[in-house]
Amino acid sequence: MKNIINKFFGLGNLPFAASLVSLVALGFYLLLNLFAYSLILNLFVFGIFLIAGFVDLYINRTYAANDPKEIIIDEFLGMYTLLLIANEKSILINIIFFILFRTIDIFKPFPFSIIDRKMKTWFGVLFDDVAIGIFIALLFLALKLVL
């Protein structure tokens, strides 16, 4: 697979690739929500990219451990994790999720900055972005319960 998946089929070489692939994740999610059994379809897409991303990152683990900017599968999976857990149908809220995800991913506040600095492995490349997605989704669900 030699970096095909983790560079998201060449998108990783483009400017603003991380934001672009996060938008691709949002597009997949919203498009699949138009169909019956959308949750199953979204889980299938997520599962395929998760497995392929793990395999590709593992095969290229020495290269991936340095977390080069061309590797963007982590942004795709982090954003998709957020969308799946929050399971929100509103396009406006999903756009807000995108903005929050990209902002936190860019600035890497605590505790995500620790994950980013301390986990210099192929798995660490994925973990910080997936953790951001989980954090935003759980915060959203908690706010939804309170409000």
C-alpha atoms as a PDB file:
ATOM      1  CA  MET A   1       0.000   0.000   0.000  1.00  0.00           C
ATOM      2  CA  LYS A   2       3.085   2.213   0.397  1.00  0.00           C
ATOM      3  CA  ASN A   3       1.465   5.340   1.839  1.00  0.00           C
ATOM      4  CA  ILE A   4      -1.547   5.321  -0.508  1.00  0.00           C
ATOM      5  CA  ILE A   5      -4.110   5.126   2.290  1.00  0.00           C
ATOM      6  CA  ASN A   6      -2.310   7.211   4.901  1.00  0.00           C
ATOM      7  CA  LYS A   7      -1.815   9.993   2.319  1.00  0.00           C
ATOM      8  CA  PHE A   8      -5.468   9.519   1.339  1.00  0.00           C
ATOM      9  CA  PHE A   9      -4.884   8.681  -2.317  1.00  0.00           C
ATOM     10  CA  GLY A  10      -2.542  11.620  -2.894  1.00  0.00           C
ATOM     11  CA  LEU A  11      -4.597  14.338  -1.188  1.00  0.00           C
ATOM     12  CA  GLY A  12      -1.879  14.550   1.467  1.00  0.00           C
ATOM     13  CA  ASN A  13       0.371  16.289  -1.055  1.00  0.00           C
ATOM     14  CA  LEU A  14      -2.057  19.199  -1.545  1.00  0.00           C
ATOM     15  CA  PRO A  15      -2.111  22.459   0.425  1.00  0.00           C
ATOM     16  CA  PHE A  16      -4.597  22.384   3.312  1.00  0.00           C
ATOM     17  CA  ALA A  17      -4.805  18.609   2.951  1.00  0.00           C
ATOM     18  CA  ALA A  18      -5.779  17.995   6.586  1.00  0.00           C
ATOM     19  CA  SER A  19      -8.782  20.315   6.321  1.00  0.00           C
ATOM     20  CA  LEU A  20      -9.666  18.923   2.916  1.00  0.00           C
ATOM     21  CA  VAL A  21      -9.717  15.317   4.116  1.00  0.00           C
ATOM     22  CA  SER A  22     -11.751  16.325   7.190  1.00  0.00           C
ATOM     23  CA  LEU A  23     -14.282  17.808   4.762  1.00  0.00           C
ATOM     24  CA  VAL A  24     -14.175  14.576   2.755  1.00  0.00           C
ATOM     25  CA  ALA A  25     -15.064  12.681   5.951  1.00  0.00           C
ATOM     26  CA  LEU A  26     -17.937  15.082   6.568  1.00  0.00           C
ATOM     27  CA  GLY A  27     -19.092  14.661   2.965  1.00  0.00           C
ATOM     28  CA  PHE A  28     -19.034  10.848   3.201  1.00  0.00           C
ATOM     29  CA  TYR A  29     -20.964  10.990   6.455  1.00  0.00           C
ATOM     30  CA  LEU A  30     -23.631  13.390   5.171  1.00  0.00           C
ATOM     31  CA  LEU A  31     -23.981  11.590   1.846  1.00  0.00           C
ATOM     32  CA  LEU A  32     -24.422   8.204   3.489  1.00  0.00           C
ATOM     33  CA  ASN A  33     -27.019   9.686   5.852  1.00  0.00           C
ATOM     34  CA  LEU A  34     -29.292  10.102   2.835  1.00  0.00           C
ATOM     35  CA  PHE A  35     -29.686   6.330   2.569  1.00  0.00           C
ATOM     36  CA  ALA A  36     -31.556   3.780   4.638  1.00  0.00           C
ATOM     37  CA  TYR A  37     -29.294   2.007   7.117  1.00  0.00           C
ATOM     38  CA  SER A  38     -27.005   5.056   7.112  1.00  0.00           C
ATOM     39  CA  LEU A  39     -25.376   4.115  10.427  1.00  0.00           C
ATOM     40  CA  ILE A  40     -24.392   0.710   9.066  1.00  0.00           C
ATOM     41  CA  LEU A  41     -23.053   2.281   5.868  1.00  0.00           C
ATOM     42  CA  ASN A  42     -21.075   4.873   7.840  1.00  0.00           C
ATOM     43  CA  LEU A  43     -19.655   2.222  10.166  1.00  0.00           C
ATOM     44  CA  PHE A  44     -18.654   0.175   7.134  1.00  0.00           C
ATOM     45  CA  VAL A  45     -16.826   3.119   5.510  1.00  0.00           C
ATOM     46  CA  PHE A  46     -15.154   3.976   8.823  1.00  0.00           C
ATOM     47  CA  GLY A  47     -14.143   0.352   9.383  1.00  0.00           C
ATOM     48  CA  ILE A  48     -12.636  -0.003   5.917  1.00  0.00           C
ATOM     49  CA  PHE A  49     -10.557   3.166   6.315  1.00  0.00           C
ATOM     50  CA  LEU A  50      -9.596   2.293   9.890  1.00  0.00           C
ATOM     51  CA  ILE A  51      -8.296  -1.145   8.939  1.00  0.00           C
ATOM     52  CA  ALA A  52      -6.616   0.097   5.758  1.00  0.00           C
ATOM     53  CA  GLY A  53      -5.110   3.049   7.646  1.00  0.00           C
ATOM     54  CA  PHE A  54      -3.770   0.798  10.421  1.00  0.00           C
ATOM     55  CA  VAL A  55      -2.236  -1.599   7.905  1.00  0.00           C
ATOM     56  CA  ASP A  56      -0.704   1.173   5.802  1.00  0.00           C
ATOM     57  CA  LEU A  57       0.677   3.026   8.824  1.00  0.00           C
ATOM     58  CA  TYR A  58       2.069  -0.202  10.263  1.00  0.00           C
ATOM     59  CA  ILE A  59       3.744  -1.165   6.989  1.00  0.00           C
ATOM     60  CA  ASN A  60       5.287   2.323   6.808  1.00  0.00           C
ATOM     61  CA  ARG A  61       5.753   2.678  10.581  1.00  0.00           C
ATOM     62  CA  THR A  62       9.266   4.116  10.457  1.00  0.00           C
ATOM     63  CA  TYR A  63       8.151   6.871   8.072  1.00  0.00           C
ATOM     64  CA  ALA A  64       4.815   7.380   9.864  1.00  0.00           C
ATOM     65  CA  ALA A  65       6.350   7.706  13.340  1.00  0.00           C
ATOM     66  CA  ASN A  66       7.700  11.136  12.337  1.00  0.00           C
ATOM     67  CA  ASP A  67       4.106  12.223  11.573  1.00  0.00           C
ATOM     68  CA  PRO A  68       4.824  14.001   8.278  1.00  0.00           C
ATOM     69  CA  LYS A  69       2.150  16.456   7.156  1.00  0.00           C
ATOM     70  CA  GLU A  70       1.388  14.303   4.101  1.00  0.00           C
ATOM     71  CA  ILE A  71      -0.166  11.636   6.341  1.00  0.00           C
ATOM     72  CA  ILE A  72      -3.788  12.678   6.652  1.00  0.00           C
ATOM     73  CA  ILE A  73      -5.661   9.440   7.327  1.00  0.00           C
ATOM     74  CA  ASP A  74      -5.615  10.472  11.000  1.00  0.00           C
ATOM     75  CA  GLU A  75      -7.677  13.592  10.277  1.00  0.00           C
ATOM     76  CA  PHE A  76     -10.170  11.561   8.256  1.00  0.00           C
ATOM     77  CA  LEU A  77     -10.564   8.963  11.012  1.00  0.00           C
ATOM     78  CA  GLY A  78     -10.649  11.550  13.805  1.00  0.00           C
ATOM     79  CA  MET A  79     -13.389  13.533  12.078  1.00  0.00           C
ATOM     80  CA  TYR A  80     -15.342  10.384  11.212  1.00  0.00           C
ATOM     81  CA  THR A  81     -15.071   9.198  14.822  1.00  0.00           C
ATOM     82  CA  LEU A  82     -16.598  12.473  15.974  1.00  0.00           C
ATOM     83  CA  LEU A  83     -19.436  12.241  13.462  1.00  0.00           C
ATOM     84  CA  LEU A  84     -20.246   8.624  14.282  1.00  0.00           C
ATOM     85  CA  ILE A  85     -20.321   9.099  18.049  1.00  0.00           C
ATOM     86  CA  ALA A  86     -22.273  12.373  17.958  1.00  0.00           C
ATOM     87  CA  ASN A  87     -24.636  10.928  15.312  1.00  0.00           C
ATOM     88  CA  GLU A  88     -26.058  14.363  14.577  1.00  0.00           C
ATOM     89  CA  LYS A  89     -28.162  14.882  11.466  1.00  0.00           C
ATOM     90  CA  SER A  90     -28.061  18.703  11.424  1.00  0.00           C
ATOM     91  CA  ILE A  91     -25.750  19.983   8.691  1.00  0.00           C
ATOM     92  CA  LEU A  92     -25.065  23.173  10.670  1.00  0.00           C
ATOM     93  CA  ILE A  93     -23.984  21.259  13.780  1.00  0.00           C
ATOM     94  CA  ASN A  94     -21.795  18.989  11.643  1.00  0.00           C
ATOM     95  CA  ILE A  95     -20.122  22.040  10.120  1.00  0.00           C
ATOM     96  CA  ILE A  96     -19.518  23.330  13.655  1.00  0.00           C
ATOM     97  CA  PHE A  97     -17.997  19.929  14.466  1.00  0.00           C
ATOM     98  CA  PHE A  98     -15.650  20.342  11.493  1.00  0.00           C
ATOM     99  CA  ILE A  99     -14.562  23.804  12.677  1.00  0.00           C
ATOM    100  CA  LEU A 100     -14.028  22.608  16.258  1.00  0.00           C
ATOM    101  CA  PHE A 101     -12.151  19.509  15.141  1.00  0.00           C
ATOM    102  CA  ARG A 102      -9.790  21.425  12.860  1.00  0.00           C
ATOM    103  CA  THR A 103      -9.219  24.171  15.452  1.00  0.00           C
ATOM    104  CA  ILE A 104      -8.316  21.700  18.201  1.00  0.00           C
ATOM    105  CA  ASP A 105      -6.233  19.629  15.777  1.00  0.00           C
ATOM    106  CA  ILE A 106      -4.244  22.682  14.679  1.00  0.00           C
ATOM    107  CA  PHE A 107      -3.633  24.179  18.121  1.00  0.00           C
ATOM    108  CA  LYS A 108      -3.393  20.861  20.024  1.00  0.00           C
ATOM    109  CA  PRO A 109      -4.329  22.091  23.522  1.00  0.00           C
ATOM    110  CA  PHE A 110      -3.773  19.947  26.631  1.00  0.00           C
ATOM    111  CA  PRO A 111      -4.121  16.913  26.809  1.00  0.00           C
ATOM    112  CA  PHE A 112      -3.852  16.424  23.033  1.00  0.00           C
ATOM    113  CA  SER A 113      -0.499  18.188  22.947  1.00  0.00           C
ATOM    114  CA  ILE A 114       0.890  15.544  25.322  1.00  0.00           C
ATOM    115  CA  ILE A 115      -0.390  12.733  23.111  1.00  0.00           C
ATOM    116  CA  ASP A 116       1.151  14.442  20.088  1.00  0.00           C
ATOM    117  CA  ARG A 117       4.558  14.907  21.782  1.00  0.00           C
ATOM    118  CA  LYS A 118       4.842  11.643  23.707  1.00  0.00           C
ATOM    119  CA  MET A 119       3.414   9.053  21.287  1.00  0.00           C
ATOM    120  CA  LYS A 120       5.948   9.194  18.464  1.00  0.00           C
ATOM    121  CA  THR A 121       4.844   5.923  16.899  1.00  0.00           C
ATOM    122  CA  TRP A 122       2.755   4.951  13.910  1.00  0.00           C
ATOM    123  CA  PHE A 123      -0.179   4.423  16.314  1.00  0.00           C
ATOM    124  CA  GLY A 124       0.341   7.816  17.944  1.00  0.00           C
ATOM    125  CA  VAL A 125      -0.224   9.451  14.558  1.00  0.00           C
ATOM    126  CA  LEU A 126      -3.833   8.217  14.670  1.00  0.00           C
ATOM    127  CA  PHE A 127      -4.448   8.398  18.385  1.00  0.00           C
ATOM    128  CA  ASP A 128      -4.364  12.165  18.948  1.00  0.00           C
ATOM    129  CA  ASP A 129      -6.892  12.906  16.197  1.00  0.00           C
ATOM    130  CA  VAL A 130      -9.227  10.102  17.207  1.00  0.00           C
ATOM    131  CA  ALA A 131      -8.981  11.342  20.822  1.00  0.00           C
ATOM    132  CA  ILE A 132      -9.966  14.839  19.648  1.00  0.00           C
ATOM    133  CA  GLY A 133     -12.963  13.381  17.815  1.00  0.00           C
ATOM    134  CA  ILE A 134     -14.049  11.390  20.867  1.00  0.00           C
ATOM    135  CA  PHE A 135     -13.624  14.417  23.138  1.00  0.00           C
ATOM    136  CA  ILE A 136     -15.765  16.731  20.983  1.00  0.00           C
ATOM    137  CA  ALA A 137     -18.457  14.074  20.513  1.00  0.00           C
ATOM    138  CA  LEU A 138     -18.675  13.282  24.237  1.00  0.00           C
ATOM    139  CA  LEU A 139     -18.757  16.985  25.088  1.00  0.00           C
ATOM    140  CA  PHE A 140     -21.583  17.463  22.582  1.00  0.00           C
ATOM    141  CA  LEU A 141     -23.555  14.508  23.966  1.00  0.00           C
ATOM    142  CA  ALA A 142     -23.077  15.767  27.545  1.00  0.00           C
ATOM    143  CA  LEU A 143     -24.285  19.249  26.557  1.00  0.00           C
ATOM    144  CA  LYS A 144     -27.228  17.700  24.748  1.00  0.00           C
ATOM    145  CA  LEU A 145     -28.226  15.876  27.949  1.00  0.00           C
ATOM    146  CA  VAL A 146     -27.934  19.000  30.090  1.00  0.00           C
ATOM    147  CA  LEU A 147     -29.684  21.374  27.707  1.00  0.00           C
END
